[in-house]
Amino acid sequence: MKLAGVQEINSFDPLRYEKHLQQMLDRYEGPQAHFVLQDVAIPRYATLFDSILLNHAFQPLQMLFFDKGRLSSYQVNCMAKSSIFFNIEWNFNQRFDTYMPQSAVDIHHETWNLESLLNKVEIKQDTSFYGHSEVVVLFWSTAFAKIAKNSQAFLADYLQRHTDASQRPLLLYLNTDAFFVQAYQQEDGRAWMKANLRPEELAKFNRRATNRNP
């Protein structure tokens, strides 16, 4: 799905990041945490995938729903439906009519969990993570700021509509600007990954890239 409203970013802009992040934080009336990921975090995250297509890991907007650490639902922009005015129709095929939402892809063969994800993207579980049996991870980038904010607004409204105020999931924002900065700058993405991924990660990535439909 081709996304309108995409802005090429050549460097991480902390002021732009803080502006858009704050607008999203103000929208959700529940526990929240946020981190800026390193450029290599996304390809490392992709090596977690057991059956999900690798390309999904590199998409700018992803929503991952975890229940007691287990991945319960996976949403990605390329499996949703594009709309007008920089929107994505996340409730395509009525996936969000229930809580938790119906996964956009088959996740039954995925063996990793929230802790695996946090380790891959090098985030330590601090006290903000404890006491939350449900965690929703939102991957986003200021390169897609308008779409990201609209998507977060949809997500916030969905969570607030389906959960009690005292039992809201932790909404975890993972910013991927650094990855998209290097993606715009690199002429040979595979050479860059070869230089940055660990040997075992590169081996799994290459196996999955060769075998796209395991």
N, C-alpha and C. Protein backbone atom coordinates (compact mmCIF):
# COMPACT_ATOMS: atom_id res chain seq x y z
N MET A 1 0.84 -1.17 0.00
CA MET A 1 0.00 0.00 0.00
C MET A 1 0.89 1.24 0.00
N LYS A 2 0.70 2.10 -0.97
CA LYS A 2 1.47 3.33 -1.04
C LYS A 2 0.86 4.36 -0.10
N LEU A 3 1.69 4.96 0.72
CA LEU A 3 1.20 5.90 1.71
C LEU A 3 1.43 7.33 1.25
N ALA A 4 0.37 8.14 1.28
CA ALA A 4 0.51 9.56 1.00
C ALA A 4 0.98 10.26 2.26
N GLY A 5 1.44 11.51 2.11
CA GLY A 5 1.84 12.27 3.28
C GLY A 5 3.14 11.82 3.91
N VAL A 6 4.05 11.30 3.09
CA VAL A 6 5.34 10.82 3.59
C VAL A 6 6.38 11.92 3.45
N GLN A 7 7.11 12.20 4.51
CA GLN A 7 8.16 13.21 4.48
C GLN A 7 9.52 12.55 4.62
N GLU A 8 10.40 12.81 3.66
CA GLU A 8 11.75 12.26 3.75
C GLU A 8 12.49 12.94 4.89
N ILE A 9 13.12 12.16 5.74
CA ILE A 9 13.86 12.72 6.87
C ILE A 9 15.33 12.35 6.72
N ASN A 10 16.20 13.33 6.85
CA ASN A 10 17.64 13.12 6.68
C ASN A 10 18.38 13.05 8.00
N SER A 11 17.70 13.42 9.08
CA SER A 11 18.31 13.34 10.40
C SER A 11 17.19 13.33 11.44
N PHE A 12 17.53 12.88 12.63
CA PHE A 12 16.53 12.87 13.70
C PHE A 12 16.34 14.29 14.23
N ASP A 13 15.12 14.75 14.24
CA ASP A 13 14.78 16.10 14.70
C ASP A 13 14.07 15.98 16.05
N PRO A 14 14.78 16.23 17.16
CA PRO A 14 14.16 16.04 18.47
C PRO A 14 12.95 16.94 18.72
N LEU A 15 12.97 18.16 18.19
CA LEU A 15 11.84 19.06 18.39
C LEU A 15 10.60 18.56 17.66
N ARG A 16 10.79 18.10 16.44
CA ARG A 16 9.68 17.54 15.67
C ARG A 16 9.15 16.28 16.35
N TYR A 17 10.07 15.46 16.82
CA TYR A 17 9.68 14.23 17.51
C TYR A 17 8.85 14.55 18.75
N GLU A 18 9.33 15.46 19.59
CA GLU A 18 8.63 15.79 20.83
C GLU A 18 7.25 16.39 20.55
N LYS A 19 7.17 17.20 19.50
CA LYS A 19 5.88 17.82 19.16
C LYS A 19 4.84 16.76 18.83
N HIS A 20 5.19 15.84 17.93
CA HIS A 20 4.23 14.83 17.51
C HIS A 20 3.96 13.81 18.62
N LEU A 21 5.00 13.47 19.37
CA LEU A 21 4.81 12.54 20.48
C LEU A 21 3.83 13.10 21.50
N GLN A 22 4.00 14.36 21.87
CA GLN A 22 3.13 14.95 22.89
C GLN A 22 1.68 14.97 22.43
N GLN A 23 1.46 15.23 21.15
CA GLN A 23 0.09 15.22 20.63
C GLN A 23 -0.54 13.84 20.78
N MET A 24 0.26 12.80 20.61
CA MET A 24 -0.25 11.44 20.78
C MET A 24 -0.47 11.11 22.25
N LEU A 25 0.49 11.50 23.09
CA LEU A 25 0.35 11.23 24.52
C LEU A 25 -0.91 11.86 25.11
N ASP A 26 -1.24 13.04 24.61
CA ASP A 26 -2.42 13.75 25.13
C ASP A 26 -3.72 13.05 24.77
N ARG A 27 -3.66 12.18 23.78
CA ARG A 27 -4.89 11.56 23.27
C ARG A 27 -5.31 10.33 24.09
N TYR A 28 -4.36 9.68 24.74
CA TYR A 28 -4.66 8.41 25.41
C TYR A 28 -4.71 8.59 26.92
N GLU A 29 -5.82 8.20 27.52
CA GLU A 29 -6.01 8.32 28.96
C GLU A 29 -5.68 6.99 29.63
N GLY A 30 -4.42 6.62 29.57
CA GLY A 30 -3.96 5.38 30.15
C GLY A 30 -2.45 5.42 30.31
N PRO A 31 -1.85 4.38 30.88
CA PRO A 31 -0.40 4.36 31.07
C PRO A 31 0.34 4.33 29.74
N GLN A 32 1.45 5.07 29.67
CA GLN A 32 2.20 5.17 28.43
C GLN A 32 3.70 5.21 28.70
N ALA A 33 4.46 4.76 27.72
CA ALA A 33 5.92 4.85 27.76
C ALA A 33 6.39 5.03 26.33
N HIS A 34 7.56 5.64 26.17
CA HIS A 34 8.02 5.93 24.81
C HIS A 34 9.54 5.87 24.73
N PHE A 35 10.03 5.40 23.58
CA PHE A 35 11.46 5.25 23.34
C PHE A 35 11.78 5.57 21.89
N VAL A 36 12.99 6.06 21.67
CA VAL A 36 13.52 6.26 20.32
C VAL A 36 14.49 5.12 20.03
N LEU A 37 14.24 4.37 18.98
CA LEU A 37 15.05 3.21 18.67
C LEU A 37 16.28 3.57 17.85
N GLN A 38 17.31 2.77 17.96
CA GLN A 38 18.49 2.91 17.10
C GLN A 38 18.16 2.41 15.70
N ASP A 39 18.98 2.80 14.72
CA ASP A 39 18.68 2.43 13.34
C ASP A 39 18.68 0.92 13.11
N VAL A 40 19.51 0.20 13.85
CA VAL A 40 19.62 -1.24 13.64
C VAL A 40 18.51 -2.02 14.34
N ALA A 41 17.71 -1.35 15.14
CA ALA A 41 16.68 -2.05 15.92
C ALA A 41 15.65 -2.74 15.04
N ILE A 42 15.27 -2.11 13.93
CA ILE A 42 14.21 -2.69 13.10
C ILE A 42 14.66 -3.97 12.41
N PRO A 43 15.82 -4.01 11.72
CA PRO A 43 16.23 -5.30 11.15
C PRO A 43 16.46 -6.37 12.21
N ARG A 44 16.90 -5.98 13.39
CA ARG A 44 17.04 -6.98 14.46
C ARG A 44 15.67 -7.48 14.92
N TYR A 45 14.74 -6.59 15.01
CA TYR A 45 13.36 -6.97 15.34
C TYR A 45 12.80 -7.93 14.30
N ALA A 46 13.14 -7.70 13.02
CA ALA A 46 12.65 -8.57 11.94
C ALA A 46 13.11 -10.01 12.11
N THR A 47 14.28 -10.19 12.72
CA THR A 47 14.80 -11.55 12.87
C THR A 47 14.03 -12.36 13.92
N LEU A 48 13.13 -11.71 14.65
CA LEU A 48 12.27 -12.45 15.56
C LEU A 48 11.23 -13.27 14.81
N PHE A 49 10.83 -12.78 13.65
CA PHE A 49 9.68 -13.35 12.95
C PHE A 49 9.94 -14.80 12.55
N ASP A 50 8.98 -15.65 12.87
CA ASP A 50 9.07 -17.06 12.50
C ASP A 50 8.28 -17.36 11.23
N SER A 51 7.07 -16.79 11.13
CA SER A 51 6.25 -17.04 9.95
C SER A 51 5.71 -15.76 9.32
N ILE A 52 5.67 -14.68 10.08
CA ILE A 52 5.23 -13.40 9.52
C ILE A 52 6.23 -12.96 8.46
N LEU A 53 5.73 -12.41 7.36
CA LEU A 53 6.62 -11.96 6.29
C LEU A 53 7.60 -10.92 6.82
N LEU A 54 8.87 -11.06 6.44
CA LEU A 54 9.89 -10.12 6.90
C LEU A 54 9.57 -8.68 6.54
N ASN A 55 8.98 -8.48 5.37
CA ASN A 55 8.69 -7.11 4.92
C ASN A 55 7.81 -6.35 5.91
N HIS A 56 6.96 -7.06 6.64
CA HIS A 56 6.08 -6.39 7.58
C HIS A 56 6.87 -5.66 8.67
N ALA A 57 8.00 -6.20 9.06
CA ALA A 57 8.80 -5.59 10.14
C ALA A 57 9.32 -4.22 9.75
N PHE A 58 9.44 -3.96 8.46
CA PHE A 58 10.01 -2.70 7.99
C PHE A 58 8.94 -1.66 7.65
N GLN A 59 7.69 -2.00 7.89
CA GLN A 59 6.61 -1.05 7.61
C GLN A 59 6.60 0.04 8.68
N PRO A 60 6.17 1.26 8.32
CA PRO A 60 6.27 2.38 9.26
C PRO A 60 5.28 2.35 10.41
N LEU A 61 4.15 1.67 10.23
CA LEU A 61 3.13 1.67 11.28
C LEU A 61 2.74 0.24 11.61
N GLN A 62 2.98 -0.13 12.85
CA GLN A 62 2.65 -1.47 13.32
C GLN A 62 2.06 -1.37 14.73
N MET A 63 1.08 -2.21 15.00
CA MET A 63 0.47 -2.31 16.32
C MET A 63 0.57 -3.75 16.78
N LEU A 64 1.20 -3.97 17.92
CA LEU A 64 1.36 -5.31 18.47
C LEU A 64 0.68 -5.37 19.83
N PHE A 65 -0.22 -6.31 20.00
CA PHE A 65 -0.98 -6.46 21.24
C PHE A 65 -0.45 -7.67 22.00
N PHE A 66 -0.03 -7.43 23.23
CA PHE A 66 0.51 -8.49 24.08
C PHE A 66 -0.39 -8.70 25.30
N ASP A 67 -0.69 -9.94 25.58
CA ASP A 67 -1.46 -10.31 26.76
C ASP A 67 -0.61 -11.24 27.62
N LYS A 68 -0.24 -10.75 28.80
CA LYS A 68 0.67 -11.49 29.69
C LYS A 68 1.96 -11.87 28.96
N GLY A 69 2.44 -10.94 28.15
CA GLY A 69 3.70 -11.12 27.43
C GLY A 69 3.59 -11.83 26.11
N ARG A 70 2.46 -12.48 25.86
CA ARG A 70 2.29 -13.26 24.63
C ARG A 70 1.68 -12.40 23.53
N LEU A 71 2.21 -12.53 22.31
CA LEU A 71 1.66 -11.79 21.18
C LEU A 71 0.28 -12.33 20.85
N SER A 72 -0.73 -11.45 20.97
CA SER A 72 -2.12 -11.87 20.75
C SER A 72 -2.71 -11.32 19.46
N SER A 73 -2.15 -10.23 18.96
CA SER A 73 -2.66 -9.64 17.72
C SER A 73 -1.57 -8.79 17.09
N TYR A 74 -1.46 -8.89 15.77
CA TYR A 74 -0.45 -8.12 15.04
C TYR A 74 -1.15 -7.38 13.91
N GLN A 75 -0.95 -6.06 13.88
CA GLN A 75 -1.52 -5.20 12.85
C GLN A 75 -0.40 -4.43 12.17
N VAL A 76 -0.52 -4.26 10.85
CA VAL A 76 0.51 -3.55 10.10
C VAL A 76 -0.16 -2.78 8.97
N ASN A 77 0.37 -1.61 8.63
CA ASN A 77 -0.31 -0.74 7.68
C ASN A 77 -0.57 -1.38 6.32
N CYS A 78 0.35 -2.24 5.88
CA CYS A 78 0.19 -2.83 4.55
C CYS A 78 -0.90 -3.89 4.50
N MET A 79 -1.42 -4.30 5.67
CA MET A 79 -2.53 -5.25 5.71
C MET A 79 -3.84 -4.56 6.06
N ALA A 80 -3.80 -3.24 6.19
CA ALA A 80 -5.01 -2.46 6.40
C ALA A 80 -5.42 -1.85 5.06
N LYS A 81 -6.33 -0.91 5.10
CA LYS A 81 -6.84 -0.31 3.87
C LYS A 81 -6.58 1.19 3.90
N SER A 82 -6.05 1.70 2.81
CA SER A 82 -5.77 3.14 2.75
C SER A 82 -7.08 3.90 2.60
N SER A 83 -7.07 5.12 3.11
CA SER A 83 -8.25 5.95 3.05
C SER A 83 -7.82 7.35 2.63
N ILE A 84 -8.71 8.31 2.72
CA ILE A 84 -8.38 9.67 2.33
C ILE A 84 -7.91 10.47 3.53
N PHE A 85 -7.35 11.64 3.25
CA PHE A 85 -6.92 12.56 4.30
C PHE A 85 -5.91 11.92 5.25
N PHE A 86 -4.94 11.20 4.67
CA PHE A 86 -3.83 10.63 5.45
C PHE A 86 -4.32 9.67 6.53
N ASN A 87 -5.31 8.89 6.20
CA ASN A 87 -5.85 7.92 7.15
C ASN A 87 -5.59 6.50 6.68
N ILE A 88 -5.61 5.58 7.62
CA ILE A 88 -5.59 4.15 7.33
C ILE A 88 -6.83 3.55 7.98
N GLU A 89 -7.53 2.73 7.24
CA GLU A 89 -8.72 2.07 7.78
C GLU A 89 -8.27 0.80 8.50
N TRP A 90 -7.94 0.95 9.77
CA TRP A 90 -7.43 -0.18 10.54
C TRP A 90 -8.50 -1.23 10.80
N ASN A 91 -9.75 -0.83 10.81
CA ASN A 91 -10.83 -1.78 11.07
C ASN A 91 -11.28 -2.49 9.80
N PHE A 92 -10.36 -2.67 8.89
CA PHE A 92 -10.63 -3.41 7.66
C PHE A 92 -11.05 -4.83 8.02
N ASN A 93 -12.11 -5.31 7.39
CA ASN A 93 -12.67 -6.64 7.69
C ASN A 93 -13.12 -6.77 9.15
N GLN A 94 -13.46 -5.63 9.76
CA GLN A 94 -13.99 -5.60 11.13
C GLN A 94 -13.04 -6.23 12.15
N ARG A 95 -11.74 -6.09 11.91
CA ARG A 95 -10.78 -6.69 12.84
C ARG A 95 -10.85 -6.09 14.23
N PHE A 96 -11.22 -4.81 14.31
CA PHE A 96 -11.23 -4.13 15.60
C PHE A 96 -12.63 -4.07 16.23
N ASP A 97 -13.52 -4.92 15.77
CA ASP A 97 -14.85 -4.96 16.38
C ASP A 97 -14.83 -5.65 17.74
N THR A 98 -13.77 -6.42 17.99
CA THR A 98 -13.65 -7.14 19.25
C THR A 98 -12.38 -6.70 19.98
N TYR A 99 -12.28 -7.10 21.24
CA TYR A 99 -11.07 -6.84 22.01
C TYR A 99 -10.57 -8.17 22.59
N MET A 100 -9.31 -8.55 22.29
CA MET A 100 -8.35 -7.85 21.46
C MET A 100 -8.72 -8.01 19.98
N PRO A 101 -8.15 -7.16 19.11
CA PRO A 101 -8.53 -7.23 17.70
C PRO A 101 -8.06 -8.52 17.04
N GLN A 102 -8.80 -8.91 16.01
CA GLN A 102 -8.39 -10.06 15.21
C GLN A 102 -7.07 -9.74 14.52
N SER A 103 -6.12 -10.62 14.61
CA SER A 103 -4.81 -10.37 14.01
C SER A 103 -4.92 -10.26 12.49
N ALA A 104 -4.16 -9.32 11.93
CA ALA A 104 -4.18 -9.14 10.47
C ALA A 104 -3.41 -10.24 9.75
N VAL A 105 -2.52 -10.91 10.46
CA VAL A 105 -1.76 -12.02 9.89
C VAL A 105 -1.77 -13.19 10.88
N ASP A 106 -1.47 -14.37 10.38
CA ASP A 106 -1.43 -15.56 11.23
C ASP A 106 -0.21 -15.49 12.15
N ILE A 107 -0.45 -15.54 13.45
CA ILE A 107 0.66 -15.44 14.41
C ILE A 107 0.82 -16.72 15.23
N HIS A 108 0.12 -17.77 14.84
CA HIS A 108 0.14 -19.00 15.63
C HIS A 108 1.52 -19.64 15.71
N HIS A 109 2.37 -19.38 14.70
CA HIS A 109 3.69 -20.01 14.68
C HIS A 109 4.77 -19.12 15.30
N GLU A 110 4.38 -17.94 15.79
CA GLU A 110 5.36 -17.04 16.39
C GLU A 110 5.68 -17.49 17.81
N THR A 111 6.96 -17.63 18.11
CA THR A 111 7.38 -18.15 19.42
C THR A 111 7.95 -17.07 20.33
N TRP A 112 8.10 -15.85 19.85
CA TRP A 112 8.67 -14.78 20.65
C TRP A 112 7.57 -14.04 21.43
N ASN A 113 8.00 -13.26 22.42
CA ASN A 113 7.06 -12.55 23.27
C ASN A 113 7.52 -11.10 23.46
N LEU A 114 6.86 -10.39 24.37
CA LEU A 114 7.20 -8.99 24.60
C LEU A 114 8.63 -8.84 25.07
N GLU A 115 9.07 -9.70 25.97
CA GLU A 115 10.45 -9.62 26.45
C GLU A 115 11.44 -9.81 25.31
N SER A 116 11.14 -10.73 24.40
CA SER A 116 12.01 -10.95 23.24
C SER A 116 12.12 -9.69 22.40
N LEU A 117 10.98 -9.03 22.19
CA LEU A 117 10.96 -7.80 21.40
C LEU A 117 11.79 -6.72 22.07
N LEU A 118 11.57 -6.51 23.36
CA LEU A 118 12.30 -5.47 24.07
C LEU A 118 13.80 -5.73 24.06
N ASN A 119 14.20 -6.99 24.17
CA ASN A 119 15.62 -7.32 24.11
C ASN A 119 16.20 -7.02 22.74
N LYS A 120 15.46 -7.34 21.69
CA LYS A 120 15.95 -7.11 20.33
C LYS A 120 16.17 -5.63 20.04
N VAL A 121 15.24 -4.80 20.52
CA VAL A 121 15.36 -3.37 20.25
C VAL A 121 16.10 -2.64 21.37
N GLU A 122 16.66 -3.42 22.29
CA GLU A 122 17.52 -2.92 23.36
C GLU A 122 16.82 -1.91 24.26
N ILE A 123 15.67 -2.34 24.77
CA ILE A 123 14.94 -1.57 25.77
C ILE A 123 14.87 -2.40 27.04
N LYS A 124 15.33 -1.83 28.12
CA LYS A 124 15.25 -2.52 29.40
C LYS A 124 13.87 -2.30 30.01
N GLN A 125 13.30 -3.37 30.55
CA GLN A 125 12.01 -3.26 31.20
C GLN A 125 12.18 -2.53 32.54
N ASP A 126 11.71 -1.29 32.58
CA ASP A 126 11.79 -0.54 33.84
C ASP A 126 10.46 -0.68 34.59
N THR A 127 10.32 0.09 35.64
CA THR A 127 9.14 -0.06 36.50
C THR A 127 7.84 0.27 35.77
N SER A 128 7.89 1.06 34.69
CA SER A 128 6.67 1.42 33.98
C SER A 128 6.02 0.22 33.32
N PHE A 129 6.78 -0.86 33.12
CA PHE A 129 6.23 -2.04 32.46
C PHE A 129 5.56 -2.99 33.44
N TYR A 130 5.94 -2.90 34.70
CA TYR A 130 5.43 -3.86 35.68
C TYR A 130 3.99 -3.53 36.08
N GLY A 131 3.23 -4.57 36.34
CA GLY A 131 1.84 -4.38 36.74
C GLY A 131 0.88 -4.25 35.60
N HIS A 132 1.37 -4.40 34.36
CA HIS A 132 0.50 -4.30 33.19
C HIS A 132 0.47 -5.65 32.47
N SER A 133 -0.63 -6.34 32.60
CA SER A 133 -0.73 -7.64 31.93
C SER A 133 -0.93 -7.48 30.43
N GLU A 134 -1.45 -6.32 30.02
CA GLU A 134 -1.66 -6.05 28.60
C GLU A 134 -0.81 -4.85 28.17
N VAL A 135 -0.07 -5.04 27.10
CA VAL A 135 0.79 -3.99 26.55
C VAL A 135 0.54 -3.91 25.05
N VAL A 136 0.37 -2.70 24.55
CA VAL A 136 0.20 -2.48 23.11
C VAL A 136 1.39 -1.67 22.63
N VAL A 137 2.10 -2.20 21.64
CA VAL A 137 3.28 -1.54 21.08
C VAL A 137 2.90 -0.87 19.77
N LEU A 138 3.25 0.40 19.65
CA LEU A 138 3.01 1.14 18.41
C LEU A 138 4.34 1.58 17.82
N PHE A 139 4.70 1.01 16.68
CA PHE A 139 5.86 1.49 15.92
C PHE A 139 5.40 2.67 15.08
N TRP A 140 6.17 3.78 15.13
CA TRP A 140 5.78 4.96 14.36
C TRP A 140 7.00 5.78 14.01
N SER A 141 6.83 6.70 13.04
CA SER A 141 7.93 7.57 12.62
C SER A 141 7.38 8.94 12.24
N THR A 142 8.18 9.98 12.48
CA THR A 142 7.76 11.32 12.07
C THR A 142 7.79 11.48 10.56
N ALA A 143 8.41 10.54 9.85
CA ALA A 143 8.36 10.56 8.39
C ALA A 143 6.93 10.35 7.90
N PHE A 144 6.10 9.80 8.76
CA PHE A 144 4.70 9.53 8.45
C PHE A 144 3.83 10.15 9.55
N ALA A 145 4.15 11.38 9.92
CA ALA A 145 3.60 11.99 11.13
C ALA A 145 2.08 12.06 11.12
N LYS A 146 1.50 12.57 10.05
CA LYS A 146 0.04 12.73 10.00
C LYS A 146 -0.66 11.38 10.09
N ILE A 147 -0.16 10.41 9.33
CA ILE A 147 -0.77 9.08 9.35
C ILE A 147 -0.57 8.44 10.72
N ALA A 148 0.61 8.64 11.31
CA ALA A 148 0.89 8.06 12.62
C ALA A 148 -0.05 8.63 13.68
N LYS A 149 -0.27 9.93 13.65
CA LYS A 149 -1.14 10.55 14.64
C LYS A 149 -2.59 10.10 14.47
N ASN A 150 -3.03 9.99 13.23
CA ASN A 150 -4.39 9.50 13.00
C ASN A 150 -4.54 8.05 13.44
N SER A 151 -3.50 7.26 13.20
CA SER A 151 -3.54 5.85 13.61
C SER A 151 -3.55 5.72 15.12
N GLN A 152 -2.74 6.56 15.79
CA GLN A 152 -2.70 6.52 17.26
C GLN A 152 -4.03 6.99 17.83
N ALA A 153 -4.65 7.97 17.20
CA ALA A 153 -5.96 8.43 17.67
C ALA A 153 -6.99 7.31 17.57
N PHE A 154 -6.95 6.57 16.47
CA PHE A 154 -7.85 5.42 16.32
C PHE A 154 -7.57 4.39 17.42
N LEU A 155 -6.28 4.11 17.64
CA LEU A 155 -5.90 3.11 18.64
C LEU A 155 -6.32 3.55 20.04
N ALA A 156 -6.07 4.81 20.37
CA ALA A 156 -6.43 5.33 21.69
C ALA A 156 -7.94 5.24 21.92
N ASP A 157 -8.71 5.64 20.92
CA ASP A 157 -10.16 5.57 21.05
C ASP A 157 -10.63 4.13 21.20
N TYR A 158 -10.00 3.23 20.44
CA TYR A 158 -10.36 1.81 20.52
C TYR A 158 -10.10 1.26 21.92
N LEU A 159 -8.92 1.55 22.46
CA LEU A 159 -8.57 1.03 23.79
C LEU A 159 -9.47 1.63 24.87
N GLN A 160 -9.77 2.91 24.77
CA GLN A 160 -10.59 3.56 25.78
C GLN A 160 -12.05 3.12 25.69
N ARG A 161 -12.46 2.70 24.51
CA ARG A 161 -13.83 2.22 24.34
C ARG A 161 -14.01 0.80 24.87
N HIS A 162 -12.95 0.00 24.81
CA HIS A 162 -13.06 -1.42 25.14
C HIS A 162 -12.50 -1.79 26.51
N THR A 163 -11.90 -0.85 27.22
CA THR A 163 -11.30 -1.18 28.52
C THR A 163 -11.75 -0.18 29.58
N ASP A 164 -11.77 -0.64 30.82
CA ASP A 164 -12.08 0.25 31.94
C ASP A 164 -10.89 1.17 32.21
N ALA A 165 -11.18 2.35 32.73
CA ALA A 165 -10.14 3.34 32.98
C ALA A 165 -9.05 2.81 33.90
N SER A 166 -9.43 1.96 34.85
CA SER A 166 -8.46 1.44 35.82
C SER A 166 -7.66 0.26 35.28
N GLN A 167 -8.03 -0.24 34.11
CA GLN A 167 -7.38 -1.42 33.56
C GLN A 167 -6.90 -1.21 32.13
N ARG A 168 -6.55 0.01 31.81
CA ARG A 168 -6.09 0.30 30.46
C ARG A 168 -4.74 -0.36 30.20
N PRO A 169 -4.52 -0.86 28.97
CA PRO A 169 -3.21 -1.42 28.63
C PRO A 169 -2.14 -0.33 28.63
N LEU A 170 -0.92 -0.73 28.86
CA LEU A 170 0.21 0.17 28.67
C LEU A 170 0.41 0.37 27.18
N LEU A 171 0.43 1.61 26.72
CA LEU A 171 0.67 1.92 25.31
C LEU A 171 2.13 2.34 25.17
N LEU A 172 2.89 1.53 24.45
CA LEU A 172 4.33 1.72 24.32
C LEU A 172 4.66 2.21 22.92
N TYR A 173 5.20 3.43 22.82
CA TYR A 173 5.53 4.04 21.54
C TYR A 173 7.00 3.79 21.22
N LEU A 174 7.26 3.19 20.06
CA LEU A 174 8.63 2.96 19.61
C LEU A 174 8.86 3.74 18.33
N ASN A 175 9.68 4.78 18.42
CA ASN A 175 9.94 5.63 17.26
C ASN A 175 11.06 5.06 16.40
N THR A 176 10.83 5.02 15.09
CA THR A 176 11.76 4.38 14.15
C THR A 176 12.41 5.38 13.20
N ASP A 177 12.49 6.64 13.58
CA ASP A 177 13.08 7.65 12.71
C ASP A 177 14.50 7.28 12.28
N ALA A 178 15.31 6.78 13.20
CA ALA A 178 16.71 6.48 12.88
C ALA A 178 16.81 5.45 11.76
N PHE A 179 15.91 4.47 11.77
CA PHE A 179 15.93 3.47 10.71
C PHE A 179 15.60 4.10 9.37
N PHE A 180 14.59 4.97 9.32
CA PHE A 180 14.20 5.57 8.05
C PHE A 180 15.23 6.59 7.58
N VAL A 181 15.93 7.24 8.49
CA VAL A 181 17.02 8.13 8.10
C VAL A 181 18.09 7.35 7.35
N GLN A 182 18.54 6.23 7.91
CA GLN A 182 19.57 5.44 7.24
C GLN A 182 19.03 4.79 5.98
N ALA A 183 17.73 4.45 5.96
CA ALA A 183 17.15 3.84 4.77
C ALA A 183 17.17 4.79 3.59
N TYR A 184 16.95 6.09 3.86
CA TYR A 184 17.01 7.08 2.80
C TYR A 184 18.45 7.31 2.33
N GLN A 185 19.41 7.08 3.22
CA GLN A 185 20.80 7.39 2.91
C GLN A 185 21.56 6.22 2.30
N GLN A 186 21.17 4.99 2.64
CA GLN A 186 21.92 3.82 2.20
C GLN A 186 21.54 3.42 0.78
N GLU A 187 22.54 3.18 -0.04
CA GLU A 187 22.30 2.68 -1.39
C GLU A 187 22.19 1.17 -1.41
N ASP A 188 22.86 0.51 -0.49
CA ASP A 188 22.84 -0.95 -0.43
C ASP A 188 22.42 -1.38 0.97
N GLY A 189 21.11 -1.59 1.14
CA GLY A 189 20.60 -1.94 2.45
C GLY A 189 21.11 -3.27 2.97
N ARG A 190 21.31 -4.22 2.08
CA ARG A 190 21.79 -5.54 2.52
C ARG A 190 23.22 -5.45 3.04
N ALA A 191 24.05 -4.65 2.39
CA ALA A 191 25.42 -4.48 2.87
C ALA A 191 25.42 -3.82 4.24
N TRP A 192 24.52 -2.88 4.44
CA TRP A 192 24.41 -2.21 5.74
C TRP A 192 23.99 -3.21 6.81
N MET A 193 23.01 -4.06 6.50
CA MET A 193 22.57 -5.05 7.49
C MET A 193 23.66 -6.07 7.77
N LYS A 194 24.41 -6.44 6.74
CA LYS A 194 25.50 -7.39 6.94
C LYS A 194 26.54 -6.82 7.90
N ALA A 195 26.73 -5.51 7.84
CA ALA A 195 27.72 -4.87 8.69
C ALA A 195 27.21 -4.63 10.11
N ASN A 196 25.89 -4.66 10.30
CA ASN A 196 25.33 -4.28 11.59
C ASN A 196 24.63 -5.40 12.35
N LEU A 197 24.14 -6.41 11.65
CA LEU A 197 23.48 -7.51 12.34
C LEU A 197 24.49 -8.48 12.92
N ARG A 198 24.11 -9.11 14.00
CA ARG A 198 24.94 -10.17 14.57
C ARG A 198 24.91 -11.38 13.63
N PRO A 199 25.96 -12.21 13.64
CA PRO A 199 26.02 -13.34 12.70
C PRO A 199 24.78 -14.22 12.73
N GLU A 200 24.29 -14.55 13.92
CA GLU A 200 23.11 -15.43 14.02
C GLU A 200 21.85 -14.73 13.51
N GLU A 201 21.78 -13.41 13.69
CA GLU A 201 20.65 -12.65 13.18
C GLU A 201 20.68 -12.60 11.66
N LEU A 202 21.87 -12.35 11.13
CA LEU A 202 22.01 -12.29 9.67
C LEU A 202 21.68 -13.64 9.04
N ALA A 203 22.09 -14.72 9.70
CA ALA A 203 21.81 -16.06 9.17
C ALA A 203 20.31 -16.31 9.10
N LYS A 204 19.58 -15.94 10.17
CA LYS A 204 18.13 -16.14 10.15
C LYS A 204 17.47 -15.23 9.13
N PHE A 205 17.95 -13.99 9.05
CA PHE A 205 17.38 -13.06 8.09
C PHE A 205 17.56 -13.59 6.67
N ASN A 206 18.73 -14.10 6.36
CA ASN A 206 19.00 -14.62 5.02
C ASN A 206 18.15 -15.85 4.73
N ARG A 207 17.96 -16.71 5.73
CA ARG A 207 17.11 -17.89 5.54
C ARG A 207 15.68 -17.48 5.24
N ARG A 208 15.18 -16.51 6.00
CA ARG A 208 13.80 -16.07 5.81
C ARG A 208 13.63 -15.34 4.49
N ALA A 209 14.66 -14.54 4.11
CA ALA A 209 14.58 -13.81 2.85
C ALA A 209 14.57 -14.76 1.66
N THR A 210 15.30 -15.86 1.79
CA THR A 210 15.34 -16.86 0.72
C THR A 210 14.05 -17.66 0.69
N ASN A 211 13.49 -17.90 1.86
CA ASN A 211 12.28 -18.72 2.03
C ASN A 211 11.14 -17.83 2.48
N ARG A 212 10.58 -17.04 1.64
CA ARG A 212 9.63 -16.01 2.05
C ARG A 212 8.32 -16.57 2.59
N ASN A 213 8.00 -17.79 2.24
CA ASN A 213 6.76 -18.40 2.72
C ASN A 213 7.07 -19.74 3.36
N PRO A 214 7.58 -19.73 4.59
CA PRO A 214 8.00 -20.96 5.25
C PRO A 214 6.80 -21.87 5.51
